[in-house]
Structures are given as structure tokens and as C-alpha cells.
Amino acid sequence: MTARRVSDALFIDCGTGYEHKTGDRAGQITYTRQPRARYECVRCGYASPVVTGPDDVKRFVATARTSHRATCPALTNQQGAAA
């Protein structure tokens, strides 16, 4: 069995809200607690600021990990040492 280590974590809270079923706002969600997300890198200790709002969280979740990995000092040092 191969040992696995946690290297990073993406925390997502989908918020609390309700969907309007009828009327001119049908299909829209009214949030009582906005969705939020944050990213933490265990390798270098980076912790992102908390992102809130459905659209901002969606964009953040799609790019947080790859964006940080491109600039993570712990990964940069490892790649430099191996070269």
C-alpha cells in the first residue's frame, strides 16, 4: 500500500438559500448565507483569502489549485533541486 499525504486543501461552503419557483424570479436563488471558499497549501503554508458569492466561488474553485501550484515556493524549490 502506498502512503499518501495531503498537500493542499480546498474548502467549499455552498451556503444556504432557497430557489424561487414561480414569478419573475423563478429559478433564481436567494441566499441567507453566501457560498464561500478558500484554499490552503500544506507544503508552503499559504492560505488564500476567503472568497464569497456564487459567481466568485465558481471562478475561484476552477483555478485556485493550478494558480497556486504555478507559484508555490515549495514546488519551485523542489523542481530547482532536482534539475
PDB file of N, CA and C in Angstrom:
ATOM      1  N   MET A   1       0.843  -1.185   0.000  1.00  0.00           N
ATOM      2  CA  MET A   1       0.000   0.000   0.000  1.00  0.00           C
ATOM      3  C   MET A   1       0.882   1.239   0.000  1.00  0.00           C
ATOM      4  N   THR A   2       0.565   2.176  -0.834  1.00  0.00           N
ATOM      5  CA  THR A   2       1.335   3.399  -0.962  1.00  0.00           C
ATOM      6  C   THR A   2       0.822   4.447   0.017  1.00  0.00           C
ATOM      7  N   ALA A   3       1.740   5.085   0.724  1.00  0.00           N
ATOM      8  CA  ALA A   3       1.353   6.160   1.647  1.00  0.00           C
ATOM      9  C   ALA A   3       0.990   7.402   0.851  1.00  0.00           C
ATOM     10  N   ARG A   4      -0.024   8.075   1.283  1.00  0.00           N
ATOM     11  CA  ARG A   4      -0.452   9.315   0.626  1.00  0.00           C
ATOM     12  C   ARG A   4      -0.419  10.445   1.631  1.00  0.00           C
ATOM     13  N   ARG A   5      -0.086  11.609   1.156  1.00  0.00           N
ATOM     14  CA  ARG A   5      -0.022  12.790   2.012  1.00  0.00           C
ATOM     15  C   ARG A   5      -0.922  13.880   1.448  1.00  0.00           C
ATOM     16  N   VAL A   6      -1.511  14.612   2.340  1.00  0.00           N
ATOM     17  CA  VAL A   6      -2.312  15.765   1.921  1.00  0.00           C
ATOM     18  C   VAL A   6      -1.337  16.892   1.597  1.00  0.00           C
ATOM     19  N   SER A   7      -1.449  17.447   0.403  1.00  0.00           N
ATOM     20  CA  SER A   7      -0.555  18.526   0.007  1.00  0.00           C
ATOM     21  C   SER A   7      -1.260  19.872  -0.062  1.00  0.00           C
ATOM     22  N   ASP A   8      -2.557  19.841  -0.277  1.00  0.00           N
ATOM     23  CA  ASP A   8      -3.324  21.075  -0.325  1.00  0.00           C
ATOM     24  C   ASP A   8      -4.790  20.754  -0.057  1.00  0.00           C
ATOM     25  N   ALA A   9      -5.541  21.797   0.277  1.00  0.00           N
ATOM     26  CA  ALA A   9      -6.954  21.597   0.609  1.00  0.00           C
ATOM     27  C   ALA A   9      -7.786  22.749   0.065  1.00  0.00           C
ATOM     28  N   LEU A  10      -8.910  22.401  -0.488  1.00  0.00           N
ATOM     29  CA  LEU A  10      -9.873  23.380  -0.981  1.00  0.00           C
ATOM     30  C   LEU A  10     -11.136  23.231  -0.150  1.00  0.00           C
ATOM     31  N   PHE A  11     -11.470  24.267   0.601  1.00  0.00           N
ATOM     32  CA  PHE A  11     -12.649  24.253   1.464  1.00  0.00           C
ATOM     33  C   PHE A  11     -13.774  25.000   0.764  1.00  0.00           C
ATOM     34  N   ILE A  12     -14.923  24.348   0.633  1.00  0.00           N
ATOM     35  CA  ILE A  12     -16.072  24.959  -0.039  1.00  0.00           C
ATOM     36  C   ILE A  12     -17.300  24.842   0.850  1.00  0.00           C
ATOM     37  N   ASP A  13     -17.953  25.972   1.097  1.00  0.00           N
ATOM     38  CA  ASP A  13     -19.228  26.004   1.814  1.00  0.00           C
ATOM     39  C   ASP A  13     -20.244  26.506   0.794  1.00  0.00           C
ATOM     40  N   CYS A  14     -21.200  25.689   0.442  1.00  0.00           N
ATOM     41  CA  CYS A  14     -22.156  26.035  -0.619  1.00  0.00           C
ATOM     42  C   CYS A  14     -23.207  27.042  -0.194  1.00  0.00           C
ATOM     43  N   GLY A  15     -23.190  27.446   1.068  1.00  0.00           N
ATOM     44  CA  GLY A  15     -24.131  28.454   1.529  1.00  0.00           C
ATOM     45  C   GLY A  15     -25.508  27.874   1.795  1.00  0.00           C
ATOM     46  N   THR A  16     -26.408  28.762   2.177  1.00  0.00           N
ATOM     47  CA  THR A  16     -27.780  28.379   2.455  1.00  0.00           C
ATOM     48  C   THR A  16     -28.693  29.348   1.705  1.00  0.00           C
ATOM     49  N   GLY A  17     -29.685  28.815   1.052  1.00  0.00           N
ATOM     50  CA  GLY A  17     -30.598  29.679   0.326  1.00  0.00           C
ATOM     51  C   GLY A  17     -31.797  28.898  -0.169  1.00  0.00           C
ATOM     52  N   TYR A  18     -32.618  29.586  -0.908  1.00  0.00           N
ATOM     53  CA  TYR A  18     -33.796  28.936  -1.469  1.00  0.00           C
ATOM     54  C   TYR A  18     -34.005  29.424  -2.897  1.00  0.00           C
ATOM     55  N   GLU A  19     -34.565  28.526  -3.695  1.00  0.00           N
ATOM     56  CA  GLU A  19     -34.815  28.840  -5.093  1.00  0.00           C
ATOM     57  C   GLU A  19     -36.246  29.320  -5.258  1.00  0.00           C
ATOM     58  N   HIS A  20     -36.405  30.404  -6.003  1.00  0.00           N
ATOM     59  CA  HIS A  20     -37.750  30.899  -6.314  1.00  0.00           C
ATOM     60  C   HIS A  20     -38.351  29.990  -7.377  1.00  0.00           C
ATOM     61  N   LYS A  21     -39.535  29.479  -7.109  1.00  0.00           N
ATOM     62  CA  LYS A  21     -40.174  28.520  -8.007  1.00  0.00           C
ATOM     63  C   LYS A  21     -41.116  29.168  -9.016  1.00  0.00           C
ATOM     64  N   THR A  22     -41.664  30.319  -8.678  1.00  0.00           N
ATOM     65  CA  THR A  22     -42.633  30.960  -9.570  1.00  0.00           C
ATOM     66  C   THR A  22     -42.333  32.447  -9.676  1.00  0.00           C
ATOM     67  N   GLY A  23     -43.033  33.082 -10.578  1.00  0.00           N
ATOM     68  CA  GLY A  23     -42.920  34.531 -10.735  1.00  0.00           C
ATOM     69  C   GLY A  23     -41.746  34.939 -11.602  1.00  0.00           C
ATOM     70  N   ASP A  24     -41.465  36.243 -11.604  1.00  0.00           N
ATOM     71  CA  ASP A  24     -40.416  36.773 -12.473  1.00  0.00           C
ATOM     72  C   ASP A  24     -39.007  36.404 -11.979  1.00  0.00           C
ATOM     73  N   ARG A  25     -38.880  35.875 -10.770  1.00  0.00           N
ATOM     74  CA  ARG A  25     -37.572  35.458 -10.250  1.00  0.00           C
ATOM     75  C   ARG A  25     -37.430  33.933 -10.229  1.00  0.00           C
ATOM     76  N   ALA A  26     -38.277  33.232 -10.953  1.00  0.00           N
ATOM     77  CA  ALA A  26     -38.245  31.759 -10.988  1.00  0.00           C
ATOM     78  C   ALA A  26     -36.861  31.278 -11.415  1.00  0.00           C
ATOM     79  N   GLY A  27     -36.327  30.314 -10.680  1.00  0.00           N
ATOM     80  CA  GLY A  27     -35.015  29.757 -10.981  1.00  0.00           C
ATOM     81  C   GLY A  27     -33.862  30.474 -10.301  1.00  0.00           C
ATOM     82  N   GLN A  28     -34.110  31.654  -9.752  1.00  0.00           N
ATOM     83  CA  GLN A  28     -33.060  32.392  -9.053  1.00  0.00           C
ATOM     84  C   GLN A  28     -32.967  31.913  -7.606  1.00  0.00           C
ATOM     85  N   ILE A  29     -31.766  32.026  -7.036  1.00  0.00           N
ATOM     86  CA  ILE A  29     -31.559  31.630  -5.652  1.00  0.00           C
ATOM     87  C   ILE A  29     -31.330  32.870  -4.802  1.00  0.00           C
ATOM     88  N   THR A  30     -32.036  32.940  -3.685  1.00  0.00           N
ATOM     89  CA  THR A  30     -31.800  33.988  -2.697  1.00  0.00           C
ATOM     90  C   THR A  30     -31.052  33.338  -1.547  1.00  0.00           C
ATOM     91  N   TYR A  31     -29.842  33.847  -1.275  1.00  0.00           N
ATOM     92  CA  TYR A  31     -29.008  33.248  -0.236  1.00  0.00           C
ATOM     93  C   TYR A  31     -29.221  33.930   1.110  1.00  0.00           C
ATOM     94  N   THR A  32     -29.350  33.113   2.158  1.00  0.00           N
ATOM     95  CA  THR A  32     -29.349  33.645   3.526  1.00  0.00           C
ATOM     96  C   THR A  32     -27.929  33.594   4.080  1.00  0.00           C
ATOM     97  N   ARG A  33     -27.105  32.701   3.524  1.00  0.00           N
ATOM     98  CA  ARG A  33     -25.666  32.663   3.803  1.00  0.00           C
ATOM     99  C   ARG A  33     -24.970  32.392   2.476  1.00  0.00           C
ATOM    100  N   GLN A  34     -24.162  33.333   2.031  1.00  0.00           N
ATOM    101  CA  GLN A  34     -23.498  33.248   0.735  1.00  0.00           C
ATOM    102  C   GLN A  34     -22.532  32.061   0.664  1.00  0.00           C
ATOM    103  N   PRO A  35     -22.375  31.457  -0.525  1.00  0.00           N
ATOM    104  CA  PRO A  35     -21.342  30.440  -0.704  1.00  0.00           C
ATOM    105  C   PRO A  35     -19.967  31.066  -0.472  1.00  0.00           C
ATOM    106  N   ARG A  36     -19.015  30.247   0.003  1.00  0.00           N
ATOM    107  CA  ARG A  36     -17.666  30.757   0.243  1.00  0.00           C
ATOM    108  C   ARG A  36     -16.660  29.627   0.039  1.00  0.00           C
ATOM    109  N   ALA A  37     -15.420  30.004  -0.238  1.00  0.00           N
ATOM    110  CA  ALA A  37     -14.364  29.016  -0.459  1.00  0.00           C
ATOM    111  C   ALA A  37     -13.019  29.614  -0.089  1.00  0.00           C
ATOM    112  N   ARG A  38     -12.082  28.719   0.247  1.00  0.00           N
ATOM    113  CA  ARG A  38     -10.696  29.123   0.491  1.00  0.00           C
ATOM    114  C   ARG A  38      -9.791  27.950   0.154  1.00  0.00           C
ATOM    115  N   TYR A  39      -8.533  28.250  -0.085  1.00  0.00           N
ATOM    116  CA  TYR A  39      -7.545  27.248  -0.479  1.00  0.00           C
ATOM    117  C   TYR A  39      -6.353  27.339   0.464  1.00  0.00           C
ATOM    118  N   GLU A  40      -5.820  26.189   0.873  1.00  0.00           N
ATOM    119  CA  GLU A  40      -4.624  26.163   1.714  1.00  0.00           C
ATOM    120  C   GLU A  40      -3.621  25.180   1.135  1.00  0.00           C
ATOM    121  N   CYS A  41      -2.361  25.581   1.141  1.00  0.00           N
ATOM    122  CA  CYS A  41      -1.270  24.724   0.684  1.00  0.00           C
ATOM    123  C   CYS A  41      -0.487  24.270   1.915  1.00  0.00           C
ATOM    124  N   VAL A  42      -0.437  22.964   2.142  1.00  0.00           N
ATOM    125  CA  VAL A  42       0.278  22.413   3.288  1.00  0.00           C
ATOM    126  C   VAL A  42       1.790  22.505   3.074  1.00  0.00           C
ATOM    127  N   ARG A  43       2.231  22.428   1.831  1.00  0.00           N
ATOM    128  CA  ARG A  43       3.668  22.455   1.535  1.00  0.00           C
ATOM    129  C   ARG A  43       4.331  23.755   1.981  1.00  0.00           C
ATOM    130  N   CYS A  44       3.718  24.888   1.636  1.00  0.00           N
ATOM    131  CA  CYS A  44       4.366  26.183   1.917  1.00  0.00           C
ATOM    132  C   CYS A  44       3.627  27.002   2.977  1.00  0.00           C
ATOM    133  N   GLY A  45       2.447  26.565   3.395  1.00  0.00           N
ATOM    134  CA  GLY A  45       1.699  27.285   4.425  1.00  0.00           C
ATOM    135  C   GLY A  45       0.807  28.395   3.903  1.00  0.00           C
ATOM    136  N   TYR A  46       0.683  28.509   2.597  1.00  0.00           N
ATOM    137  CA  TYR A  46      -0.170  29.552   2.009  1.00  0.00           C
ATOM    138  C   TYR A  46      -1.637  29.303   2.346  1.00  0.00           C
ATOM    139  N   ALA A  47      -2.345  30.363   2.675  1.00  0.00           N
ATOM    140  CA  ALA A  47      -3.796  30.311   2.880  1.00  0.00           C
ATOM    141  C   ALA A  47      -4.414  31.479   2.118  1.00  0.00           C
ATOM    142  N   SER A  48      -5.301  31.173   1.207  1.00  0.00           N
ATOM    143  CA  SER A  48      -5.928  32.226   0.405  1.00  0.00           C
ATOM    144  C   SER A  48      -6.929  33.000   1.248  1.00  0.00           C
ATOM    145  N   PRO A  49      -7.250  34.204   0.820  1.00  0.00           N
ATOM    146  CA  PRO A  49      -8.368  34.890   1.471  1.00  0.00           C
ATOM    147  C   PRO A  49      -9.667  34.145   1.146  1.00  0.00           C
ATOM    148  N   VAL A  50     -10.673  34.323   1.974  1.00  0.00           N
ATOM    149  CA  VAL A  50     -11.965  33.685   1.738  1.00  0.00           C
ATOM    150  C   VAL A  50     -12.676  34.418   0.606  1.00  0.00           C
ATOM    151  N   VAL A  51     -13.171  33.656  -0.353  1.00  0.00           N
ATOM    152  CA  VAL A  51     -13.910  34.200  -1.490  1.00  0.00           C
ATOM    153  C   VAL A  51     -15.391  33.931  -1.230  1.00  0.00           C
ATOM    154  N   THR A  52     -16.245  34.930  -1.425  1.00  0.00           N
ATOM    155  CA  THR A  52     -17.676  34.751  -1.188  1.00  0.00           C
ATOM    156  C   THR A  52     -18.489  35.143  -2.417  1.00  0.00           C
ATOM    157  N   GLY A  53     -19.680  34.589  -2.493  1.00  0.00           N
ATOM    158  CA  GLY A  53     -20.590  34.864  -3.601  1.00  0.00           C
ATOM    159  C   GLY A  53     -20.559  33.744  -4.612  1.00  0.00           C
ATOM    160  N   PRO A  54     -21.692  33.385  -5.168  1.00  0.00           N
ATOM    161  CA  PRO A  54     -21.765  32.218  -6.055  1.00  0.00           C
ATOM    162  C   PRO A  54     -20.868  32.314  -7.288  1.00  0.00           C
ATOM    163  N   ASP A  55     -20.824  33.440  -7.940  1.00  0.00           N
ATOM    164  CA  ASP A  55     -20.009  33.564  -9.153  1.00  0.00           C
ATOM    165  C   ASP A  55     -18.522  33.586  -8.825  1.00  0.00           C
ATOM    166  N   ASP A  56     -18.144  34.332  -7.779  1.00  0.00           N
ATOM    167  CA  ASP A  56     -16.740  34.401  -7.379  1.00  0.00           C
ATOM    168  C   ASP A  56     -16.227  33.046  -6.916  1.00  0.00           C
ATOM    169  N   VAL A  57     -17.031  32.308  -6.159  1.00  0.00           N
ATOM    170  CA  VAL A  57     -16.632  30.979  -5.688  1.00  0.00           C
ATOM    171  C   VAL A  57     -16.449  30.041  -6.872  1.00  0.00           C
ATOM    172  N   LYS A  58     -17.333  30.091  -7.828  1.00  0.00           N
ATOM    173  CA  LYS A  58     -17.241  29.219  -9.008  1.00  0.00           C
ATOM    174  C   LYS A  58     -15.934  29.476  -9.757  1.00  0.00           C
ATOM    175  N   ARG A  59     -15.588  30.739  -9.987  1.00  0.00           N
ATOM    176  CA  ARG A  59     -14.340  31.077 -10.683  1.00  0.00           C
ATOM    177  C   ARG A  59     -13.122  30.663  -9.856  1.00  0.00           C
ATOM    178  N   PHE A  60     -13.168  30.925  -8.550  1.00  0.00           N
ATOM    179  CA  PHE A  60     -12.058  30.610  -7.657  1.00  0.00           C
ATOM    180  C   PHE A  60     -11.784  29.105  -7.621  1.00  0.00           C
ATOM    181  N   VAL A  61     -12.816  28.313  -7.463  1.00  0.00           N
ATOM    182  CA  VAL A  61     -12.673  26.855  -7.375  1.00  0.00           C
ATOM    183  C   VAL A  61     -12.079  26.292  -8.665  1.00  0.00           C
ATOM    184  N   ALA A  62     -12.434  26.876  -9.785  1.00  0.00           N
ATOM    185  CA  ALA A  62     -11.945  26.393 -11.070  1.00  0.00           C
ATOM    186  C   ALA A  62     -10.445  26.625 -11.263  1.00  0.00           C
ATOM    187  N   THR A  63      -9.867  27.623 -10.566  1.00  0.00           N
ATOM    188  CA  THR A  63      -8.477  27.982 -10.841  1.00  0.00           C
ATOM    189  C   THR A  63      -7.545  27.996  -9.627  1.00  0.00           C
ATOM    190  N   ALA A  64      -8.048  27.866  -8.416  1.00  0.00           N
ATOM    191  CA  ALA A  64      -7.222  28.064  -7.215  1.00  0.00           C
ATOM    192  C   ALA A  64      -6.010  27.143  -7.176  1.00  0.00           C
ATOM    193  N   ARG A  65      -6.222  25.879  -7.375  1.00  0.00           N
ATOM    194  CA  ARG A  65      -5.117  24.924  -7.242  1.00  0.00           C
ATOM    195  C   ARG A  65      -4.041  25.132  -8.301  1.00  0.00           C
ATOM    196  N   THR A  66      -4.428  25.222  -9.552  1.00  0.00           N
ATOM    197  CA  THR A  66      -3.427  25.387 -10.612  1.00  0.00           C
ATOM    198  C   THR A  66      -2.726  26.733 -10.518  1.00  0.00           C
ATOM    199  N   SER A  67      -3.448  27.772 -10.122  1.00  0.00           N
ATOM    200  CA  SER A  67      -2.827  29.089  -9.981  1.00  0.00           C
ATOM    201  C   SER A  67      -1.768  29.079  -8.890  1.00  0.00           C
ATOM    202  N   HIS A  68      -2.066  28.460  -7.760  1.00  0.00           N
ATOM    203  CA  HIS A  68      -1.081  28.439  -6.678  1.00  0.00           C
ATOM    204  C   HIS A  68       0.098  27.534  -7.020  1.00  0.00           C
ATOM    205  N   ARG A  69      -0.160  26.390  -7.609  1.00  0.00           N
ATOM    206  CA  ARG A  69       0.938  25.473  -7.945  1.00  0.00           C
ATOM    207  C   ARG A  69       1.948  26.110  -8.886  1.00  0.00           C
ATOM    208  N   ALA A  70       1.513  27.041  -9.712  1.00  0.00           N
ATOM    209  CA  ALA A  70       2.433  27.707 -10.632  1.00  0.00           C
ATOM    210  C   ALA A  70       3.420  28.608  -9.895  1.00  0.00           C
ATOM    211  N   THR A  71       3.066  29.052  -8.684  1.00  0.00           N
ATOM    212  CA  THR A  71       3.924  29.980  -7.946  1.00  0.00           C
ATOM    213  C   THR A  71       4.325  29.479  -6.560  1.00  0.00           C
ATOM    214  N   CYS A  72       3.984  28.258  -6.205  1.00  0.00           N
ATOM    215  CA  CYS A  72       4.271  27.716  -4.869  1.00  0.00           C
ATOM    216  C   CYS A  72       5.778  27.644  -4.632  1.00  0.00           C
ATOM    217  N   PRO A  73       6.286  28.325  -3.602  1.00  0.00           N
ATOM    218  CA  PRO A  73       7.728  28.286  -3.346  1.00  0.00           C
ATOM    219  C   PRO A  73       8.233  26.883  -3.016  1.00  0.00           C
ATOM    220  N   ALA A  74       7.435  26.067  -2.366  1.00  0.00           N
ATOM    221  CA  ALA A  74       7.858  24.701  -2.029  1.00  0.00           C
ATOM    222  C   ALA A  74       8.042  23.864  -3.291  1.00  0.00           C
ATOM    223  N   LEU A  75       7.181  24.018  -4.259  1.00  0.00           N
ATOM    224  CA  LEU A  75       7.317  23.277  -5.513  1.00  0.00           C
ATOM    225  C   LEU A  75       8.454  23.830  -6.358  1.00  0.00           C
ATOM    226  N   THR A  76       8.634  25.134  -6.346  1.00  0.00           N
ATOM    227  CA  THR A  76       9.717  25.766  -7.106  1.00  0.00           C
ATOM    228  C   THR A  76      11.060  25.292  -6.582  1.00  0.00           C
ATOM    229  N   ASN A  77      11.229  25.213  -5.253  1.00  0.00           N
ATOM    230  CA  ASN A  77      12.482  24.753  -4.671  1.00  0.00           C
ATOM    231  C   ASN A  77      12.762  23.299  -4.994  1.00  0.00           C
ATOM    232  N   GLN A  78      11.734  22.457  -4.981  1.00  0.00           N
ATOM    233  CA  GLN A  78      11.902  21.035  -5.287  1.00  0.00           C
ATOM    234  C   GLN A  78      12.311  20.840  -6.746  1.00  0.00           C
ATOM    235  N   GLN A  79      11.686  21.591  -7.636  1.00  0.00           N
ATOM    236  CA  GLN A  79      11.998  21.442  -9.047  1.00  0.00           C
ATOM    237  C   GLN A  79      13.411  21.946  -9.336  1.00  0.00           C
ATOM    238  N   GLY A  80      13.812  23.019  -8.651  1.00  0.00           N
ATOM    239  CA  GLY A  80      15.165  23.560  -8.848  1.00  0.00           C
ATOM    240  C   GLY A  80      16.218  22.599  -8.337  1.00  0.00           C
ATOM    241  N   ALA A  81      15.951  21.921  -7.209  1.00  0.00           N
ATOM    242  CA  ALA A  81      16.922  20.998  -6.631  1.00  0.00           C
ATOM    243  C   ALA A  81      17.075  19.752  -7.494  1.00  0.00           C
ATOM    244  N   ALA A  82      15.994  19.351  -8.163  1.00  0.00           N
ATOM    245  CA  ALA A  82      16.041  18.144  -8.987  1.00  0.00           C
ATOM    246  C   ALA A  82      16.730  18.375 -10.312  1.00  0.00           C
ATOM    247  N   ALA A  83      16.769  19.601 -10.762  1.00  0.00           N
ATOM    248  CA  ALA A  83      17.331  19.905 -12.082  1.00  0.00           C
ATOM    249  C   ALA A  83      18.842  19.853 -12.125  1.00  0.00           C
TER     250      ALA A  83
END
